[in-house]
Structure formats: C-alpha cells, structure tokens
C-alpha cells in the first residue's frame, strides 16, 4: 500500500470530516498514530479507536469547567509528548489512560491525589496532582494480588490479561512502565519494586510464563552497593528506599517458591542480605527512615513493620522479628525534646525587626509537629524531623510587658505528645536611654552604642557656630560605626543626638568638629 494512500485512509478513519480540528497536542498525537500505522506498529482499526479518544478529549476540554479541562488537557499533552513511542502496548496504555480521564472528568470533579479509579477492564489509575489519573504498575500489581487473595478469579483473569496487553518487552522480559516523571526518573520508566510484586501476583494467579517474564527485569532494576544489590524504586534514580527493598525481597521469594525458580530464590536471599547489612541506616533510634536521612511517614513506618514481620515469618530469622518489634515500639514512644538557650527579653513595640520574634531553639527525637505555647494562649506549630531546629513566633504588639510561662509540645506522627518547659518569656518596653560614646578625629565621626531594645539608632548631628545652627541627618545607623564628616563651610561645635527605635534620645557633646 503506497504511503500517500495509507495516510489518506488513516485520516478518513481517525479524523472524520465533521470533527473539529484540535490544536497543538491533539495534532501531535494524531501524527504519531499516523506514523505508527505507516511503520506497522498499529493497525488502522487501532488507530481509529485511539483517534476517537483524541477527538473526544479535545472536545471535552473545550466544554468542561476550568479545573477538569486543565487536568484533561495535561493528560492529552502527556499522551502527545510520547507520540514517537506509540506501539501496540504503549499506545494501549496511553490512550486507555486518556479515555479513563475523559470518562471520569466528564461527570466528576478532579480526583484528589492518591485516589484510585478502575478502568472498564479493571486496570487501576492513580490520581496525581496536576496529572490526572495515571496508569500505575505497582497499584495494578497490588490489585491483582488482592483479587487472587480474595478468590475473585474472574476479576483476576480480566486484569491479568489487560496488564499483559500493556507490558513492554524490555530488560530481558516484560516491563510495565510509568508515563510521568517522578522521583528523579524520566518517563517512561519502570520500578524494580513494581516488577517484583507483579511477578509475585502472576505466580499467585497461576500464570507461570507471565510471572517469569515479569521477574526477569528485576535483577537489572537494581543498583550495586558494596553490601549487595538494592532495588531501584525508580529506574534511573539511586534513591535507597527501605520499603522497596523489603517488599522486593518478600515478593521475589514468594515468586521463586511458587515457580520453583532457584535463581530467583538466590536473588531474594541477596536482597535480604543487603537489607540486613544496611538496616542500621534506616533506624534512628526513635523512628524509621524512608531513605537514609529522610524519616518515614506513619504509613511507611507501619508498612516497614509489616514487611519486617513477614521476613521474620518467612525466613525464621530472629533479627527480622527483633527489628519489627523495635520499629513498632517507636510508634508508642513520646517524642523527646531538649530546649536550647533561654530567649532574650523581647521588645515587640515598636515593630522594628529587633527582638520582635521569639526564636526558640530545640532538639526533637523524631519527626513531629512541634508547638511553642506562651501563657497557654499564643501558639505556633511547625513540622520538623529529628534534630535541632528553631521555632520563631512573632510577639503580638498588644502583649503587655511582663513575664509569661512558655513550653514546647511535640506531637509525633502516631499522636503521642512530649513536652519541655522553657524559661519564662519576658516582654518589655524600651524606656532606657541608649548608652552612646562618640568622638571626632581624622575627618570622621566615630560612635559606639549599647541599647537593649534596638539594633540601630537614628543619628542627628547638630552644629552651632557664629550664631548659626545646622543639622545633618545621618539616618538609621548601626550601633557601632563611622561617618566621614561632610559639613557646611565655617567653624562648628557639634552635638550628636542618638535616638533608638522607641524614641529614647541620648545627646553627646562632641566639641569643635571644624
């Protein structure tokens, strides 16, 4: 079939004359379909279906409310971005995702991040802020596992077939790809963790060949650490994530047992060995780390405890059970707090940026919401991780001078609360004159001052001589400084007037200045 005829046929099939031409992304996606048909990667019938999805999405985008239209437009742009990659599995993945987004957004608000929506063939799409519903291999592997565990054979078979149709031949087996950038990985990318769970799910579903093809890329989706292999949660990223390693070790071991795959069993053992060798990096002594130096959320903390228990049960090795018990105990322990140096006296009036804020220095043992409480009434809360931090609170100008009780509360992610009392917060008004010394020499004015309530003074040079008087406003100046004399002509005797932020003024006689 000649190229011109093929393109004309495809245009007739995909873009009927009644269709409204869609700009930009729609055109690019259509051109990608045309190239895929020309190269034999798609049939005209497949391209017709996918072209209809483009037309519907473009039409809906013009008619939907702003939030839904923006989200659907983002998904269409994403599909168009990969127009050079359309093959049967990738086009099915991308255009099915576009169809599901169009169907959902036509009658629903934009779903919140983390919500899962099923397509008509049982495939799971997870919502991400600004990205709509995305094909999510790990969520699909988990759903297939759930169907098998619950005895939902028909649903498991339907989803297993739908996922196989979306699998890509790569890395020596079948991979399922994410089509959005995330965690330092550029789309399309695969996850070693998702591949391991997919192999486990297919093995549990009794589909040995599919399970084997899902497992084969797993060893290639690892990074080589001195202690052994570590699973890549995100292909192309070297982020070392504990739950990904533990889950991969559990899933590969179960796949190996169900499939009688000795090589996979040995690989699972190496994953466990690396995790065991590096487990201390994920144990802060008070909480678990998601990755080294990055504490876990409560959900990931509990997930890791579950995985450690599973490893203890599967292997019979006591150190996994001990780690699970230790990590679980962290959830029951209140956060520990240590206070830093006492707060200086505060001068909120006037609001000049000096001692207007109470900056409480503290150390906390684990990720917590830490609250500074003053007089049981004024509060400010920040979320922080383990370590030293500063919590600043702007003192209300209405707070009268006095001494106020203060303390810090730390609420851990599990809801338990620790407390440490602070020295009283002292609020004052500055009524003292600044202490100032000043001299003139070498053609310059030099001054040095002390003032509890101000870190700058407004300086005025008052000049008298020959029956005349003049003033030179030096403006706000630091407490210590110098100013090269720039005086009117004549003989002058001077006086320096130094006024602090509260208006207290000190006068310093300078004597003859010229």
Protein backbone atom coordinates (compact mmCIF):
# COMPACT_ATOMS: atom_id res chain seq x y z
CA UNK A 1 0.00 0.00 0.00
CA UNK A 2 1.56 3.34 -1.00
CA UNK A 3 2.34 5.87 1.73
CA UNK A 4 0.02 8.61 0.44
CA UNK A 5 -2.94 6.24 0.24
CA UNK A 6 -2.22 4.86 3.71
CA UNK A 7 -2.13 8.32 5.28
CA UNK A 8 -5.28 9.36 3.46
CA UNK A 9 -7.06 6.23 4.64
CA UNK A 10 -5.91 6.79 8.21
CA UNK A 11 -7.06 10.42 8.11
CA UNK A 12 -10.50 9.30 6.94
CA UNK A 13 -10.74 6.64 9.64
CA UNK A 14 -9.44 8.74 12.52
CA UNK A 15 -10.50 12.26 11.68
CA UNK A 16 -13.97 12.32 10.10
CA UNK A 17 -14.78 15.50 8.23
CA UNK A 18 -17.30 16.51 10.88
CA UNK A 19 -14.64 16.59 13.59
CA UNK A 20 -13.44 19.96 14.83
CA UNK A 21 -9.72 20.36 14.33
CA UNK A 22 -7.93 20.26 17.68
CA UNK A 23 -4.77 22.37 18.08
CA UNK A 24 -1.30 21.54 19.31
CA UNK A 25 -1.24 18.38 21.37
CA UNK A 26 -4.12 16.70 19.56
CA UNK A 27 -2.41 17.23 16.22
CA UNK A 28 0.85 15.84 17.51
CA UNK A 29 -0.85 12.74 18.92
CA UNK A 30 -2.68 12.18 15.63
CA UNK A 31 0.55 12.49 13.68
CA UNK A 32 2.11 9.90 16.00
CA UNK A 33 -0.74 7.49 15.23
CA UNK A 34 -0.25 8.01 11.52
CA UNK A 35 3.46 7.20 11.79
CA UNK A 36 2.72 4.11 13.91
CA UNK A 37 0.31 2.76 11.26
CA UNK A 38 2.76 3.54 8.47
CA UNK A 39 5.51 1.59 10.27
CA UNK A 40 3.22 -1.33 11.02
CA UNK A 41 3.21 -0.81 14.79
CA UNK A 42 -0.57 -0.24 14.87
CA UNK A 43 -3.46 -1.32 12.65
CA UNK A 44 -5.80 1.27 11.13
CA UNK A 45 -8.57 -0.07 13.38
CA UNK A 46 -6.47 0.50 16.50
CA UNK A 47 -5.55 3.98 15.29
CA UNK A 48 -9.23 4.72 14.66
CA UNK A 49 -10.11 3.89 18.27
CA UNK A 50 -7.26 5.96 19.63
CA UNK A 51 -8.04 8.84 17.28
CA UNK A 52 -11.60 8.86 18.59
CA UNK A 53 -10.16 9.21 22.13
CA UNK A 54 -8.18 12.26 20.99
CA UNK A 55 -11.24 13.84 19.39
CA UNK A 56 -13.40 13.28 22.48
CA UNK A 57 -10.76 14.60 24.87
CA UNK A 58 -10.18 17.71 22.74
CA UNK A 59 -13.92 18.35 22.53
CA UNK A 60 -14.44 17.85 26.28
CA UNK A 61 -11.52 20.08 27.11
CA UNK A 62 -13.32 23.00 25.44
CA UNK A 63 -16.56 22.35 27.35
CA UNK A 64 -15.56 21.24 30.83
CA UNK A 65 -15.16 23.54 33.87
CA UNK A 66 -11.70 25.05 34.21
CA UNK A 67 -10.23 22.57 36.70
CA UNK A 68 -11.38 19.47 34.82
CA UNK A 69 -10.40 20.99 31.46
CA UNK A 70 -6.92 21.82 32.70
CA UNK A 71 -6.40 18.30 34.03
CA UNK A 72 -7.68 16.62 30.87
CA UNK A 73 -5.50 18.94 28.79
CA UNK A 74 -2.47 17.91 30.84
CA UNK A 75 -3.16 14.23 30.15
CA UNK A 76 -3.65 14.89 26.43
CA UNK A 77 -0.34 16.80 26.39
CA UNK A 78 1.34 13.87 28.12
CA UNK A 79 -0.02 11.42 25.53
CA UNK A 80 1.17 13.71 22.73
CA UNK A 81 4.60 14.08 24.33
CA UNK A 82 5.23 10.37 23.71
CA UNK A 83 3.86 10.35 20.16
CA UNK A 84 7.11 8.91 18.82
CA UNK A 85 6.80 5.85 21.10
CA UNK A 86 3.41 4.50 20.00
CA UNK A 87 3.47 0.72 19.72
CA UNK A 88 0.62 -1.67 20.46
CA UNK A 89 1.28 -1.88 24.25
CA UNK A 90 2.37 1.72 24.77
CA UNK A 91 -0.47 3.20 22.71
CA UNK A 92 -2.98 1.00 24.52
CA UNK A 93 -1.58 2.19 27.86
CA UNK A 94 -1.58 5.88 26.95
CA UNK A 95 -4.86 6.14 25.07
CA UNK A 96 -6.75 3.95 27.55
CA UNK A 97 -5.49 6.34 30.22
CA UNK A 98 -6.77 9.28 28.16
CA UNK A 99 -10.17 7.58 27.78
CA UNK A 100 -10.46 6.90 31.52
CA UNK A 101 -9.60 10.52 32.33
CA UNK A 102 -12.15 11.81 29.83
CA UNK A 103 -14.85 9.46 31.18
CA UNK A 104 -14.16 10.39 34.79
CA UNK A 105 -13.77 14.15 34.34
CA UNK A 106 -16.88 14.40 32.17
CA UNK A 107 -19.04 13.70 35.24
CA UNK A 108 -16.75 14.16 38.27
CA UNK A 109 -14.52 16.73 39.90
CA UNK A 110 -10.75 16.36 39.62
CA UNK A 111 -9.89 13.44 41.94
CA UNK A 112 -7.62 14.19 44.91
CA UNK A 113 -4.06 12.88 44.84
CA UNK A 114 -3.77 9.22 45.78
CA UNK A 115 -7.28 8.18 44.79
CA UNK A 116 -7.52 5.06 42.59
CA UNK A 117 -10.03 4.70 39.77
CA UNK A 118 -10.64 1.49 37.80
CA UNK A 119 -10.99 1.42 34.04
CA UNK A 120 -13.55 -0.80 32.30
CA UNK A 121 -11.04 -3.68 32.10
CA UNK A 122 -10.13 -3.46 35.78
CA UNK A 123 -6.87 -1.57 35.25
CA UNK A 124 -6.04 0.84 38.09
CA UNK A 125 -5.29 4.52 37.53
CA UNK A 126 -3.99 6.64 40.42
CA UNK A 127 -4.59 10.38 40.75
CA UNK A 128 -1.63 12.75 40.96
CA UNK A 129 -1.92 16.49 41.47
CA UNK A 130 -1.83 18.28 38.12
CA UNK A 131 -1.52 14.99 36.21
CA UNK A 132 -4.96 13.45 36.44
CA UNK A 133 -5.36 9.67 36.59
CA UNK A 134 -2.15 7.84 35.72
CA UNK A 135 -1.52 4.21 34.81
CA UNK A 136 0.23 2.84 37.90
CA UNK A 137 2.01 -0.53 37.63
CA UNK A 138 2.53 -1.04 41.39
CA UNK A 139 -1.12 -0.30 42.17
CA UNK A 140 -2.13 -2.76 39.46
CA UNK A 141 0.18 -5.48 40.78
CA UNK A 142 -1.29 -4.94 44.24
CA UNK A 143 -4.83 -5.12 42.82
CA UNK A 144 -4.06 -8.38 41.01
CA UNK A 145 -2.67 -9.78 44.27
CA UNK A 146 -5.82 -8.67 46.08
CA UNK A 147 -8.10 -10.37 43.52
CA UNK A 148 -6.17 -13.62 43.88
CA UNK A 149 -6.17 -13.46 47.70
CA UNK A 150 -9.92 -12.82 47.78
CA UNK A 151 -10.69 -15.64 45.34
CA UNK A 152 -12.03 -13.27 42.68
CA UNK A 153 -10.89 -15.49 39.80
CA UNK A 154 -12.81 -13.71 37.02
CA UNK A 155 -11.57 -10.26 38.05
CA UNK A 156 -8.03 -11.59 38.39
CA UNK A 157 -8.12 -13.12 34.91
CA UNK A 158 -9.51 -9.95 33.34
CA UNK A 159 -6.90 -7.72 34.99
CA UNK A 160 -4.05 -10.16 34.26
CA UNK A 161 -4.91 -10.14 30.55
CA UNK A 162 -5.31 -6.35 30.47
CA UNK A 163 -1.91 -5.87 32.09
CA UNK A 164 -0.19 -8.33 29.78
CA UNK A 165 -1.52 -6.33 26.84
CA UNK A 166 0.21 -3.26 28.30
CA UNK A 167 3.54 -4.97 29.06
CA UNK A 168 6.60 -3.88 27.09
CA UNK A 169 9.37 -6.27 26.01
CA UNK A 170 12.42 -4.74 27.65
CA UNK A 171 15.28 -5.59 30.04
CA UNK A 172 15.11 -9.24 29.07
CA UNK A 173 11.46 -9.72 29.99
CA UNK A 174 8.19 -7.83 30.27
CA UNK A 175 8.13 -4.44 31.97
CA UNK A 176 5.27 -2.15 32.91
CA UNK A 177 6.12 1.49 32.52
CA UNK A 178 5.19 4.71 34.27
CA UNK A 179 4.48 7.53 31.84
CA UNK A 180 5.14 10.57 34.04
CA UNK A 181 8.35 11.95 35.54
CA UNK A 182 8.68 11.16 39.23
CA UNK A 183 11.34 10.79 41.93
CA UNK A 184 14.18 11.76 39.59
CA UNK A 185 13.07 9.26 36.91
CA UNK A 186 12.17 10.45 33.42
CA UNK A 187 9.20 8.85 31.66
CA UNK A 188 8.87 6.17 30.57
CA UNK A 189 10.45 4.29 33.46
CA UNK A 190 9.98 1.04 35.34
CA UNK A 191 10.19 0.19 39.02
CA UNK A 192 12.10 -2.79 40.37
CA UNK A 193 9.66 -2.96 43.27
CA UNK A 194 6.61 -2.94 40.97
CA UNK A 195 8.19 -5.63 38.77
CA UNK A 196 8.83 -7.85 41.81
CA UNK A 197 5.24 -7.50 43.04
CA UNK A 198 3.96 -8.14 39.50
CA UNK A 199 5.98 -11.37 39.30
CA UNK A 200 4.55 -12.42 42.67
CA UNK A 201 0.99 -11.60 41.55
CA UNK A 202 1.22 -13.55 38.28
CA UNK A 203 2.76 -16.51 40.09
CA UNK A 204 -0.07 -16.47 42.62
CA UNK A 205 -2.55 -16.27 39.73
CA UNK A 206 -1.03 -19.46 38.28
CA UNK A 207 0.38 -17.76 35.16
CA UNK A 208 3.93 -19.10 35.32
CA UNK A 209 5.14 -17.76 31.99
CA UNK A 210 3.91 -14.24 32.69
CA UNK A 211 5.40 -14.39 36.17
CA UNK A 212 8.78 -15.42 34.80
CA UNK A 213 8.76 -12.60 32.22
CA UNK A 214 7.84 -10.11 34.95
CA UNK A 215 10.70 -11.29 37.17
CA UNK A 216 13.49 -11.28 34.57
CA UNK A 217 13.93 -7.46 34.55
CA UNK A 218 14.10 -7.27 38.36
CA UNK A 219 17.84 -8.01 38.76
CA UNK A 220 18.54 -5.35 36.12
CA UNK A 221 16.46 -2.83 38.05
CA UNK A 222 18.88 -2.79 40.98
CA UNK A 223 21.86 -0.69 41.96
CA UNK A 224 25.10 -2.32 43.02
CA UNK A 225 26.05 -1.23 46.55
CA UNK A 226 29.17 -2.50 48.36
CA UNK A 227 26.89 -4.64 50.55
CA UNK A 228 24.99 -6.13 47.58
CA UNK A 229 22.07 -5.36 45.23
CA UNK A 230 19.48 -2.74 46.17
CA UNK A 231 16.21 -2.49 44.29
CA UNK A 232 15.52 0.66 42.29
CA UNK A 233 12.18 2.11 43.24
CA UNK A 234 12.54 4.49 40.30
CA UNK A 235 14.54 3.44 37.26
CA UNK A 236 17.32 5.94 36.67
CA UNK A 237 17.36 7.06 40.31
CA UNK A 238 19.76 5.91 43.00
CA UNK A 239 17.42 6.67 45.89
CA UNK A 240 17.86 3.93 48.50
CA UNK A 241 14.36 3.21 49.88
CA UNK A 242 13.88 0.64 52.65
CA UNK A 243 10.28 -0.43 51.96
CA UNK A 244 11.08 -1.03 48.29
CA UNK A 245 13.96 -3.36 49.16
CA UNK A 246 12.00 -5.31 51.78
CA UNK A 247 8.91 -5.64 49.57
CA UNK A 248 11.01 -6.78 46.61
CA UNK A 249 12.75 -9.38 48.79
CA UNK A 250 9.39 -10.72 50.02
CA UNK A 251 7.77 -10.74 46.58
CA UNK A 252 10.71 -12.31 44.73
CA UNK A 253 10.97 -15.03 47.38
CA UNK A 254 7.29 -15.90 47.02
CA UNK A 255 7.54 -15.86 43.23
CA UNK A 256 10.56 -18.17 43.46
CA UNK A 257 8.78 -20.60 45.79
CA UNK A 258 5.64 -20.76 43.63
CA UNK A 259 7.62 -21.09 40.40
CA UNK A 260 10.40 -23.35 41.68
CA UNK A 261 12.89 -20.77 40.40
CA UNK A 262 16.17 -21.43 42.20
CA UNK A 263 17.91 -18.43 40.68
CA UNK A 264 15.16 -16.11 41.88
CA UNK A 265 15.34 -17.66 45.35
CA UNK A 266 19.07 -16.96 45.49
CA UNK A 267 18.48 -13.40 44.31
CA UNK A 268 15.87 -12.86 47.02
CA UNK A 269 18.48 -14.03 49.53
CA UNK A 270 20.93 -11.42 48.25
CA UNK A 271 18.28 -8.71 48.57
CA UNK A 272 17.67 -9.76 52.18
CA UNK A 273 21.41 -9.80 52.88
CA UNK A 274 21.86 -6.25 51.62
CA UNK A 275 18.84 -5.04 53.59
CA UNK A 276 20.16 -6.68 56.75
CA UNK A 277 23.62 -5.15 56.30
CA UNK A 278 22.23 -1.65 55.84
CA UNK A 279 19.25 -1.77 58.20
CA UNK A 280 21.00 0.46 60.75
CA UNK A 281 20.89 3.33 58.21
CA UNK A 282 17.12 3.26 58.50
CA UNK A 283 16.94 3.10 62.30
CA UNK A 284 17.27 6.48 64.01
CA UNK A 285 16.84 5.00 67.47
CA UNK A 286 13.47 6.77 67.72
CA UNK A 287 11.80 6.19 64.31
CA UNK A 288 12.44 4.62 60.91
CA UNK A 289 13.90 6.29 57.85
CA UNK A 290 12.19 6.04 54.45
CA UNK A 291 15.62 6.57 52.92
CA UNK A 292 18.85 7.45 54.75
CA UNK A 293 18.36 10.80 56.46
CA UNK A 294 14.69 11.04 55.45
CA UNK A 295 12.23 9.92 58.11
CA UNK A 296 9.20 7.81 57.24
CA UNK A 297 5.61 8.92 57.27
CA UNK A 298 3.36 6.99 59.65
CA UNK A 299 2.03 4.86 56.79
CA UNK A 300 5.53 3.90 55.63
CA UNK A 301 6.64 3.27 59.22
CA UNK A 302 3.80 0.77 59.65
CA UNK A 303 4.39 -0.71 56.20
CA UNK A 304 8.02 -1.42 57.09
CA UNK A 305 6.98 -3.07 60.36
CA UNK A 306 4.63 -5.34 58.39
CA UNK A 307 7.39 -6.27 55.95
CA UNK A 308 9.89 -6.98 58.74
CA UNK A 309 7.38 -9.28 60.41
CA UNK A 310 6.78 -11.05 57.09
CA UNK A 311 10.52 -11.59 56.61
CA UNK A 312 10.79 -12.96 60.14
CA UNK A 313 7.95 -15.38 59.48
CA UNK A 314 9.19 -16.44 56.03
CA UNK A 315 12.84 -16.91 56.96
CA UNK A 316 12.59 -17.85 60.64
CA UNK A 317 15.43 -15.41 61.31
CA UNK A 318 15.10 -13.71 64.67
CA UNK A 319 16.81 -10.46 63.73
CA UNK A 320 13.90 -9.52 61.43
CA UNK A 321 11.41 -10.07 64.25
CA UNK A 322 13.58 -8.05 66.62
CA UNK A 323 13.77 -5.19 64.13
CA UNK A 324 9.98 -5.29 63.67
CA UNK A 325 9.43 -5.12 67.42
CA UNK A 326 11.92 -2.28 67.79
CA UNK A 327 10.39 -0.22 64.98
CA UNK A 328 6.89 -0.87 66.27
CA UNK A 329 7.89 0.30 69.76
CA UNK A 330 8.96 3.66 68.32
CA UNK A 331 5.33 4.34 67.49
CA UNK A 332 4.38 4.12 71.18
CA UNK A 333 7.22 6.32 72.45
CA UNK A 334 6.61 10.01 73.02
CA UNK A 335 8.96 12.38 71.19
CA UNK A 336 11.87 13.58 73.32
CA UNK A 337 12.56 17.32 73.49
CA UNK A 338 15.57 19.35 74.61
CA UNK A 339 15.50 23.13 74.85
CA UNK A 340 18.24 25.45 73.71
CA UNK A 341 19.41 28.70 75.33
CA UNK A 342 16.84 30.95 77.06
CA UNK A 343 15.08 33.55 74.98
CA UNK A 344 16.30 37.13 75.37
CA UNK A 345 13.94 39.84 76.58
CA UNK A 346 11.52 40.70 73.77
CA UNK A 347 10.59 44.21 72.61
CA UNK A 348 7.62 43.91 70.22
CA UNK A 349 6.91 47.67 70.36
CA UNK A 350 7.89 49.27 68.11
CA UNK A 351 7.87 46.67 65.32
CA UNK A 352 11.40 47.33 64.08
CA UNK A 353 12.68 43.80 63.37
CA UNK A 354 14.78 43.63 66.55
CA UNK A 355 13.62 41.21 69.23
CA UNK A 356 10.10 41.20 67.82
CA UNK A 357 10.23 37.42 67.44
CA UNK A 358 10.69 34.68 70.00
CA UNK A 359 13.12 32.23 68.37
CA UNK A 360 13.03 29.05 70.46
CA UNK A 361 15.87 26.64 69.77
CA UNK A 362 15.14 22.96 70.44
CA UNK A 363 16.06 19.35 69.64
CA UNK A 364 13.43 16.67 68.96
CA UNK A 365 14.00 12.93 68.69
CA UNK A 366 11.77 12.18 65.68
CA UNK A 367 9.52 13.74 63.09
CA UNK A 368 6.87 15.68 64.98
CA UNK A 369 4.58 18.69 64.97
CA UNK A 370 6.26 21.00 67.48
CA UNK A 371 4.25 23.80 69.10
CA UNK A 372 5.55 26.79 71.05
CA UNK A 373 3.00 27.76 73.71
CA UNK A 374 3.22 31.11 75.51
CA UNK A 375 0.97 31.88 78.50
CA UNK A 376 -1.26 28.97 77.46
CA UNK A 377 -2.79 31.24 74.82
CA UNK A 378 -0.43 32.02 71.98
CA UNK A 379 0.72 29.09 69.85
CA UNK A 380 2.73 28.39 66.70
CA UNK A 381 3.32 24.94 65.22
CA UNK A 382 5.82 23.62 62.67
CA UNK A 383 6.55 20.09 61.43
CA UNK A 384 10.19 19.08 61.74
CA UNK A 385 12.33 15.96 61.61
CA UNK A 386 14.81 14.65 64.13
CA UNK A 387 17.48 17.16 65.15
CA UNK A 388 17.97 20.79 66.17
CA UNK A 389 15.54 23.43 64.93
CA UNK A 390 14.38 26.97 65.58
CA UNK A 391 10.72 27.86 66.00
CA UNK A 392 10.00 31.55 65.58
CA UNK A 393 6.91 33.32 66.90
CA UNK A 394 6.12 36.98 66.24
CA UNK A 395 5.15 38.55 69.55
CA UNK A 396 1.83 40.46 69.30
CA UNK A 397 2.26 44.19 69.87
CA UNK A 398 -0.77 44.02 72.16
CA UNK A 399 1.07 41.72 74.57
CA UNK A 400 1.72 43.80 77.65
CA UNK A 401 5.10 43.88 79.39
CA UNK A 402 5.53 41.02 81.79
CA UNK A 403 6.84 37.51 82.34
CA UNK A 404 4.96 34.65 80.66
CA UNK A 405 5.20 30.89 81.06
CA UNK A 406 6.31 29.06 77.91
CA UNK A 407 6.75 25.46 76.84
CA UNK A 408 7.18 23.27 73.77
CA UNK A 409 4.94 20.36 72.79
CA UNK A 410 5.99 17.70 70.26
CA UNK A 411 3.24 15.56 68.77
CA UNK A 412 4.62 12.51 66.97
CA UNK A 413 3.01 11.11 63.83
CA UNK A 414 1.30 8.44 65.95
CA UNK A 415 -0.29 11.14 68.15
CA UNK A 416 1.79 10.79 71.32
CA UNK A 417 2.98 14.06 72.87
CA UNK A 418 6.21 15.10 74.59
CA UNK A 419 6.78 18.36 76.46
CA UNK A 420 9.61 20.52 77.72
CA UNK A 421 9.21 23.70 79.78
CA UNK A 422 11.12 26.80 78.72
CA UNK A 423 12.34 29.71 80.86
CA UNK A 424 9.68 32.42 81.09
CA UNK A 425 9.27 34.66 78.07
CA UNK A 426 9.90 38.26 79.18
CA UNK A 427 8.21 41.07 77.23
CA UNK A 428 9.31 44.65 77.88
CA UNK A 429 9.07 48.20 76.56
CA UNK A 430 12.31 50.06 75.97
CA UNK A 431 12.31 53.18 78.18
CA UNK A 432 16.07 53.41 78.77
CA UNK A 433 18.28 55.90 77.00
CA UNK A 434 20.85 54.35 74.69
CA UNK A 435 24.40 54.42 76.07
CA UNK A 436 26.48 56.24 73.47
CA UNK A 437 30.08 57.41 73.18
CA UNK A 438 31.28 59.44 70.21
CA UNK A 439 34.43 61.24 69.04
CA UNK A 440 35.59 63.21 66.03
CA UNK A 441 39.02 62.56 64.59
CA UNK A 442 40.77 62.08 61.30
CA UNK A 443 37.97 63.83 59.48
CA UNK A 444 35.33 61.34 60.64
CA UNK A 445 32.71 60.87 63.32
CA UNK A 446 33.08 57.62 65.29
CA UNK A 447 30.44 56.22 67.65
CA UNK A 448 29.75 53.17 69.76
CA UNK A 449 26.41 52.46 71.45
CA UNK A 450 24.54 49.94 73.54
CA UNK A 451 20.77 49.63 73.54
CA UNK A 452 18.77 46.63 74.75
CA UNK A 453 15.71 47.27 72.63
CA UNK A 454 17.22 48.41 69.32
CA UNK A 455 19.91 47.23 66.94
CA UNK A 456 20.09 50.56 65.09
CA UNK A 457 19.97 54.23 66.10
CA UNK A 458 18.82 57.27 64.19
CA UNK A 459 21.68 59.78 64.34
CA UNK A 460 21.44 63.53 64.01
CA UNK A 461 24.47 65.85 64.05
CA UNK A 462 23.58 69.29 65.49
CA UNK A 463 26.05 72.06 64.55
CA UNK A 464 26.43 75.52 66.14
CA UNK A 465 28.82 78.33 65.32
CA UNK A 466 28.94 82.04 64.53
CA UNK A 467 25.38 82.50 65.67
CA UNK A 468 24.22 79.87 63.23
CA UNK A 469 22.78 76.37 63.69
CA UNK A 470 22.64 73.47 61.22
CA UNK A 471 21.51 69.87 61.35
CA UNK A 472 22.89 66.90 59.43
CA UNK A 473 20.59 63.84 59.46
CA UNK A 474 22.70 60.67 59.23
CA UNK A 475 19.59 58.46 59.21
CA UNK A 476 19.43 54.95 60.73
CA UNK A 477 22.88 53.62 61.59
CA UNK A 478 24.27 50.50 63.29
CA UNK A 479 25.25 50.68 66.96
CA UNK A 480 28.95 50.88 66.05
CA UNK A 481 30.17 52.87 63.09
CA UNK A 482 31.87 55.83 61.50
CA UNK A 483 30.84 58.62 59.15
CA UNK A 484 33.20 60.83 57.16
CA UNK A 485 32.45 64.42 58.00
CA UNK A 486 30.64 66.36 55.30
CA UNK A 487 29.92 69.73 56.90
CA UNK A 488 28.89 73.18 55.73
CA UNK A 489 31.65 75.78 55.50
CA UNK A 490 32.52 77.53 58.73
CA UNK A 491 33.68 76.81 62.26
CA UNK A 492 31.37 74.44 64.11
CA UNK A 493 30.84 72.89 67.50
CA UNK A 494 28.85 69.68 67.41
CA UNK A 495 26.44 67.54 69.35
CA UNK A 496 25.35 64.02 68.36
CA UNK A 497 21.72 63.08 69.03
CA UNK A 498 21.20 59.30 69.03
CA UNK A 499 17.56 58.14 69.12
CA UNK A 500 16.56 54.47 69.50
CA UNK A 501 13.53 52.77 67.93
CA UNK A 502 11.36 53.63 70.94
CA UNK A 503 12.22 57.32 70.70
CA UNK A 504 14.63 57.48 73.64
CA UNK A 505 17.32 60.03 72.79
CA UNK A 506 20.85 60.48 74.12
CA UNK A 507 22.90 63.61 73.42
CA UNK A 508 26.68 63.50 73.22
CA UNK A 509 28.75 66.71 73.15
CA UNK A 510 31.47 66.46 70.52
CA UNK A 511 33.22 69.80 70.95
CA UNK A 512 34.76 71.52 67.97
CA UNK A 513 34.28 69.47 64.80
CA UNK A 514 35.82 72.01 62.35
